[in-house]
Amino acid sequence: MLLAIAERELEPDITVVELTGRLAMGPESQRIEALVEELVRRGSQRVILDMSAVESIDSAGLGMVALGAGKLREAGGKLAVVAHEGKVLHLLNLTQMSAIVTVCSTVAEAARAV
């Protein structure tokens, strides 16, 4: 399954980007980069990447998460990632992404973290 992206407002100042499918090298991961750039342009400061429905992620996908976190940080914002179990959480832990971005098990927890 390709990556599906849905954006919603959790609170007036928190944007949740829900990802479903595979986050891998190619146009899908580039869509994440473009979306983060658009959110920064719109002034979004608190962003949650809900990856609880992501089936797999590769190094390019991890790179896009790190890049997004950096762009938001440069703009004075913060990014949190939701990954509660499975391969995605395992890779986030294995690659020590928690040093770059806050990793949470629920959207509610991520909302408190951003």
N, C-alpha and C. Protein backbone atom coordinates (compact mmCIF):
# COMPACT_ATOMS: atom_id res chain seq x y z
N MET A 1 0.83 -1.18 0.00
CA MET A 1 0.00 0.00 0.00
C MET A 1 0.88 1.25 0.00
N LEU A 2 0.56 2.16 -0.87
CA LEU A 2 1.26 3.42 -0.89
C LEU A 2 0.89 4.23 0.34
N LEU A 3 1.57 5.32 0.54
CA LEU A 3 1.35 6.16 1.70
C LEU A 3 0.14 7.06 1.49
N ALA A 4 -0.79 7.01 2.43
CA ALA A 4 -1.92 7.93 2.44
C ALA A 4 -1.67 8.95 3.53
N ILE A 5 -1.97 10.21 3.24
CA ILE A 5 -1.72 11.29 4.18
C ILE A 5 -3.02 12.06 4.41
N ALA A 6 -3.38 12.23 5.67
CA ALA A 6 -4.56 13.03 6.03
C ALA A 6 -4.11 14.03 7.10
N GLU A 7 -4.57 15.24 6.95
CA GLU A 7 -4.19 16.31 7.88
C GLU A 7 -5.44 16.79 8.60
N ARG A 8 -5.30 17.01 9.92
CA ARG A 8 -6.41 17.55 10.70
C ARG A 8 -5.88 18.40 11.84
N GLU A 9 -6.73 19.26 12.34
CA GLU A 9 -6.38 20.09 13.49
C GLU A 9 -6.88 19.39 14.75
N LEU A 10 -5.99 19.18 15.70
CA LEU A 10 -6.37 18.58 16.97
C LEU A 10 -6.87 19.66 17.91
N GLU A 11 -6.14 20.72 17.96
CA GLU A 11 -6.49 21.93 18.69
C GLU A 11 -6.16 23.07 17.74
N PRO A 12 -6.56 24.27 18.06
CA PRO A 12 -6.25 25.36 17.12
C PRO A 12 -4.76 25.49 16.79
N ASP A 13 -3.90 25.01 17.66
CA ASP A 13 -2.47 25.18 17.42
C ASP A 13 -1.71 23.86 17.27
N ILE A 14 -2.41 22.75 17.09
CA ILE A 14 -1.76 21.46 16.88
C ILE A 14 -2.29 20.83 15.60
N THR A 15 -1.38 20.51 14.69
CA THR A 15 -1.75 19.84 13.45
C THR A 15 -1.33 18.38 13.54
N VAL A 16 -2.26 17.48 13.25
CA VAL A 16 -1.98 16.05 13.23
C VAL A 16 -1.94 15.61 11.77
N VAL A 17 -0.84 14.97 11.40
CA VAL A 17 -0.70 14.40 10.06
C VAL A 17 -0.75 12.89 10.22
N GLU A 18 -1.84 12.29 9.74
CA GLU A 18 -2.04 10.85 9.87
C GLU A 18 -1.49 10.16 8.62
N LEU A 19 -0.58 9.22 8.85
CA LEU A 19 0.05 8.47 7.76
C LEU A 19 -0.43 7.03 7.81
N THR A 20 -0.74 6.49 6.64
CA THR A 20 -1.19 5.10 6.53
C THR A 20 -0.47 4.46 5.35
N GLY A 21 0.10 3.28 5.57
CA GLY A 21 0.77 2.56 4.48
C GLY A 21 2.26 2.43 4.72
N ARG A 22 3.03 2.63 3.65
CA ARG A 22 4.49 2.50 3.71
C ARG A 22 5.14 3.86 3.55
N LEU A 23 6.08 4.16 4.44
CA LEU A 23 6.85 5.39 4.34
C LEU A 23 8.24 4.99 3.84
N ALA A 24 8.44 5.13 2.52
CA ALA A 24 9.65 4.62 1.89
C ALA A 24 10.17 5.62 0.87
N MET A 25 11.37 5.34 0.37
CA MET A 25 11.98 6.21 -0.63
C MET A 25 11.04 6.36 -1.82
N GLY A 26 11.00 7.56 -2.33
CA GLY A 26 10.16 7.82 -3.49
C GLY A 26 9.23 8.99 -3.25
N PRO A 27 8.25 9.12 -4.11
CA PRO A 27 7.35 10.27 -4.04
C PRO A 27 6.62 10.39 -2.70
N GLU A 28 6.34 9.25 -2.04
CA GLU A 28 5.61 9.30 -0.79
C GLU A 28 6.39 10.05 0.29
N SER A 29 7.65 9.71 0.44
CA SER A 29 8.44 10.40 1.47
C SER A 29 8.66 11.86 1.10
N GLN A 30 8.76 12.15 -0.18
CA GLN A 30 8.91 13.54 -0.62
C GLN A 30 7.66 14.35 -0.32
N ARG A 31 6.50 13.70 -0.32
CA ARG A 31 5.26 14.39 0.04
C ARG A 31 5.30 14.85 1.49
N ILE A 32 5.93 14.08 2.36
CA ILE A 32 6.06 14.47 3.77
C ILE A 32 6.90 15.74 3.87
N GLU A 33 8.01 15.78 3.14
CA GLU A 33 8.87 16.97 3.16
C GLU A 33 8.10 18.20 2.69
N ALA A 34 7.37 18.07 1.60
CA ALA A 34 6.60 19.19 1.07
C ALA A 34 5.52 19.63 2.05
N LEU A 35 4.87 18.68 2.70
CA LEU A 35 3.82 19.01 3.65
C LEU A 35 4.38 19.76 4.85
N VAL A 36 5.51 19.31 5.37
CA VAL A 36 6.13 20.00 6.51
C VAL A 36 6.51 21.42 6.11
N GLU A 37 7.07 21.59 4.92
CA GLU A 37 7.41 22.94 4.45
C GLU A 37 6.16 23.82 4.37
N GLU A 38 5.05 23.26 3.89
CA GLU A 38 3.80 24.00 3.81
C GLU A 38 3.28 24.36 5.20
N LEU A 39 3.37 23.43 6.14
CA LEU A 39 2.93 23.71 7.51
C LEU A 39 3.75 24.84 8.12
N VAL A 40 5.05 24.82 7.88
CA VAL A 40 5.92 25.89 8.40
C VAL A 40 5.52 27.22 7.77
N ARG A 41 5.27 27.24 6.46
CA ARG A 41 4.85 28.47 5.77
C ARG A 41 3.54 29.01 6.35
N ARG A 42 2.64 28.09 6.73
CA ARG A 42 1.36 28.50 7.29
C ARG A 42 1.47 28.91 8.76
N GLY A 43 2.65 28.74 9.34
CA GLY A 43 2.85 29.14 10.72
C GLY A 43 2.58 28.07 11.75
N SER A 44 2.42 26.83 11.33
CA SER A 44 2.19 25.74 12.28
C SER A 44 3.44 25.55 13.13
N GLN A 45 3.24 25.48 14.42
CA GLN A 45 4.36 25.34 15.35
C GLN A 45 4.39 23.97 16.04
N ARG A 46 3.24 23.35 16.16
CA ARG A 46 3.13 22.07 16.87
C ARG A 46 2.52 21.05 15.92
N VAL A 47 3.34 20.04 15.55
CA VAL A 47 2.91 19.05 14.56
C VAL A 47 3.13 17.65 15.12
N ILE A 48 2.13 16.81 14.89
CA ILE A 48 2.20 15.40 15.29
C ILE A 48 2.12 14.55 14.03
N LEU A 49 3.12 13.69 13.82
CA LEU A 49 3.06 12.69 12.75
C LEU A 49 2.51 11.42 13.37
N ASP A 50 1.27 11.10 13.07
CA ASP A 50 0.66 9.89 13.60
C ASP A 50 1.00 8.74 12.66
N MET A 51 1.98 7.94 13.06
CA MET A 51 2.47 6.83 12.25
C MET A 51 1.96 5.50 12.78
N SER A 52 0.89 5.54 13.57
CA SER A 52 0.38 4.30 14.16
C SER A 52 -0.18 3.34 13.10
N ALA A 53 -0.52 3.84 11.90
CA ALA A 53 -1.02 2.97 10.82
C ALA A 53 0.02 2.78 9.71
N VAL A 54 1.27 3.16 9.99
CA VAL A 54 2.34 2.93 9.01
C VAL A 54 2.83 1.49 9.17
N GLU A 55 2.82 0.77 8.06
CA GLU A 55 3.19 -0.65 8.07
C GLU A 55 4.69 -0.85 8.09
N SER A 56 5.42 0.00 7.36
CA SER A 56 6.87 -0.11 7.30
C SER A 56 7.47 1.24 6.97
N ILE A 57 8.73 1.37 7.34
CA ILE A 57 9.47 2.60 7.09
C ILE A 57 10.90 2.22 6.74
N ASP A 58 11.48 2.91 5.77
CA ASP A 58 12.87 2.64 5.40
C ASP A 58 13.73 3.83 5.81
N SER A 59 15.01 3.79 5.42
CA SER A 59 15.93 4.86 5.82
C SER A 59 15.53 6.21 5.24
N ALA A 60 14.95 6.22 4.04
CA ALA A 60 14.50 7.48 3.45
C ALA A 60 13.33 8.04 4.26
N GLY A 61 12.44 7.18 4.70
CA GLY A 61 11.33 7.61 5.54
C GLY A 61 11.81 8.16 6.86
N LEU A 62 12.78 7.49 7.47
CA LEU A 62 13.36 7.99 8.72
C LEU A 62 14.03 9.35 8.49
N GLY A 63 14.69 9.47 7.35
CA GLY A 63 15.33 10.74 7.01
C GLY A 63 14.32 11.87 6.87
N MET A 64 13.16 11.58 6.29
CA MET A 64 12.12 12.60 6.14
C MET A 64 11.58 13.04 7.50
N VAL A 65 11.46 12.09 8.43
CA VAL A 65 11.00 12.43 9.78
C VAL A 65 12.03 13.36 10.44
N ALA A 66 13.30 13.00 10.33
CA ALA A 66 14.35 13.83 10.92
C ALA A 66 14.41 15.20 10.26
N LEU A 67 14.27 15.24 8.95
CA LEU A 67 14.28 16.51 8.22
C LEU A 67 13.10 17.39 8.64
N GLY A 68 11.94 16.78 8.75
CA GLY A 68 10.76 17.52 9.19
C GLY A 68 10.93 18.09 10.59
N ALA A 69 11.50 17.30 11.49
CA ALA A 69 11.75 17.77 12.85
C ALA A 69 12.70 18.96 12.84
N GLY A 70 13.74 18.87 12.01
CA GLY A 70 14.70 19.97 11.91
C GLY A 70 14.08 21.24 11.35
N LYS A 71 13.26 21.12 10.33
CA LYS A 71 12.62 22.30 9.73
C LYS A 71 11.67 22.96 10.72
N LEU A 72 10.92 22.16 11.44
CA LEU A 72 10.03 22.74 12.44
C LEU A 72 10.82 23.40 13.56
N ARG A 73 11.89 22.76 14.01
CA ARG A 73 12.73 23.33 15.07
C ARG A 73 13.31 24.67 14.63
N GLU A 74 13.79 24.75 13.39
CA GLU A 74 14.34 26.01 12.86
C GLU A 74 13.30 27.12 12.86
N ALA A 75 12.03 26.75 12.67
CA ALA A 75 10.94 27.72 12.63
C ALA A 75 10.37 27.98 14.03
N GLY A 76 10.98 27.40 15.06
CA GLY A 76 10.51 27.60 16.42
C GLY A 76 9.42 26.63 16.85
N GLY A 77 9.22 25.59 16.06
CA GLY A 77 8.16 24.63 16.36
C GLY A 77 8.71 23.32 16.88
N LYS A 78 7.82 22.35 16.98
CA LYS A 78 8.20 21.04 17.50
C LYS A 78 7.38 19.95 16.81
N LEU A 79 8.03 18.81 16.60
CA LEU A 79 7.40 17.65 15.98
C LEU A 79 7.43 16.49 16.96
N ALA A 80 6.31 15.78 17.06
CA ALA A 80 6.25 14.53 17.81
C ALA A 80 5.74 13.45 16.87
N VAL A 81 6.17 12.22 17.11
CA VAL A 81 5.77 11.08 16.29
C VAL A 81 4.99 10.10 17.17
N VAL A 82 3.89 9.58 16.63
CA VAL A 82 3.12 8.54 17.31
C VAL A 82 3.42 7.21 16.64
N ALA A 83 3.96 6.29 17.41
CA ALA A 83 4.22 4.92 16.96
C ALA A 83 4.12 4.05 18.20
N HIS A 84 3.09 3.25 18.29
CA HIS A 84 2.84 2.54 19.54
C HIS A 84 3.31 1.10 19.58
N GLU A 85 3.60 0.50 18.44
CA GLU A 85 4.07 -0.89 18.44
C GLU A 85 4.59 -1.25 17.06
N GLY A 86 5.19 -2.43 16.96
CA GLY A 86 5.56 -2.98 15.66
C GLY A 86 6.89 -2.51 15.12
N LYS A 87 7.04 -2.77 13.80
CA LYS A 87 8.30 -2.50 13.11
C LYS A 87 8.71 -1.04 13.15
N VAL A 88 7.74 -0.16 13.00
CA VAL A 88 8.06 1.27 12.94
C VAL A 88 8.65 1.72 14.27
N LEU A 89 8.01 1.37 15.37
CA LEU A 89 8.53 1.74 16.69
C LEU A 89 9.90 1.12 16.90
N HIS A 90 10.06 -0.14 16.50
CA HIS A 90 11.35 -0.81 16.63
C HIS A 90 12.45 -0.05 15.89
N LEU A 91 12.19 0.37 14.64
CA LEU A 91 13.19 1.10 13.88
C LEU A 91 13.46 2.49 14.46
N LEU A 92 12.42 3.15 14.95
CA LEU A 92 12.63 4.46 15.58
C LEU A 92 13.54 4.31 16.80
N ASN A 93 13.34 3.26 17.57
CA ASN A 93 14.20 3.02 18.74
C ASN A 93 15.60 2.59 18.33
N LEU A 94 15.68 1.70 17.35
CA LEU A 94 16.96 1.18 16.89
C LEU A 94 17.87 2.29 16.35
N THR A 95 17.27 3.23 15.65
CA THR A 95 18.04 4.33 15.05
C THR A 95 18.17 5.54 15.97
N GLN A 96 17.66 5.41 17.17
CA GLN A 96 17.73 6.47 18.19
C GLN A 96 17.11 7.79 17.71
N MET A 97 15.99 7.67 16.98
CA MET A 97 15.28 8.86 16.52
C MET A 97 14.73 9.67 17.68
N SER A 98 14.57 9.05 18.84
CA SER A 98 14.05 9.79 19.99
C SER A 98 15.01 10.89 20.44
N ALA A 99 16.24 10.86 19.97
CA ALA A 99 17.17 11.96 20.25
C ALA A 99 16.86 13.17 19.38
N ILE A 100 16.14 12.95 18.29
CA ILE A 100 15.83 14.02 17.34
C ILE A 100 14.38 14.48 17.48
N VAL A 101 13.48 13.52 17.73
CA VAL A 101 12.06 13.81 17.77
C VAL A 101 11.42 13.03 18.93
N THR A 102 10.42 13.60 19.54
CA THR A 102 9.71 12.93 20.63
C THR A 102 8.85 11.82 20.04
N VAL A 103 9.00 10.61 20.56
CA VAL A 103 8.22 9.46 20.11
C VAL A 103 7.24 9.10 21.22
N CYS A 104 5.95 9.06 20.87
CA CYS A 104 4.88 8.80 21.83
C CYS A 104 4.05 7.61 21.38
N SER A 105 3.28 7.05 22.32
CA SER A 105 2.46 5.90 21.97
C SER A 105 1.03 6.28 21.58
N THR A 106 0.60 7.51 21.89
CA THR A 106 -0.75 7.95 21.52
C THR A 106 -0.72 9.40 21.03
N VAL A 107 -1.75 9.79 20.32
CA VAL A 107 -1.87 11.18 19.87
C VAL A 107 -2.04 12.11 21.08
N ALA A 108 -2.78 11.66 22.08
CA ALA A 108 -2.98 12.49 23.28
C ALA A 108 -1.65 12.76 23.97
N GLU A 109 -0.82 11.74 24.08
CA GLU A 109 0.50 11.91 24.69
C GLU A 109 1.36 12.85 23.87
N ALA A 110 1.30 12.70 22.55
CA ALA A 110 2.07 13.58 21.66
C ALA A 110 1.59 15.02 21.77
N ALA A 111 0.30 15.23 21.93
CA ALA A 111 -0.25 16.60 22.06
C ALA A 111 0.30 17.27 23.31
N ARG A 112 0.50 16.51 24.36
CA ARG A 112 1.09 17.07 25.59
C ARG A 112 2.58 17.35 25.42
N ALA A 113 3.22 16.64 24.48
CA ALA A 113 4.68 16.75 24.31
C ALA A 113 5.09 17.89 23.37
N VAL A 114 4.19 18.30 22.47
CA VAL A 114 4.58 19.36 21.52
C VAL A 114 4.25 20.74 22.04
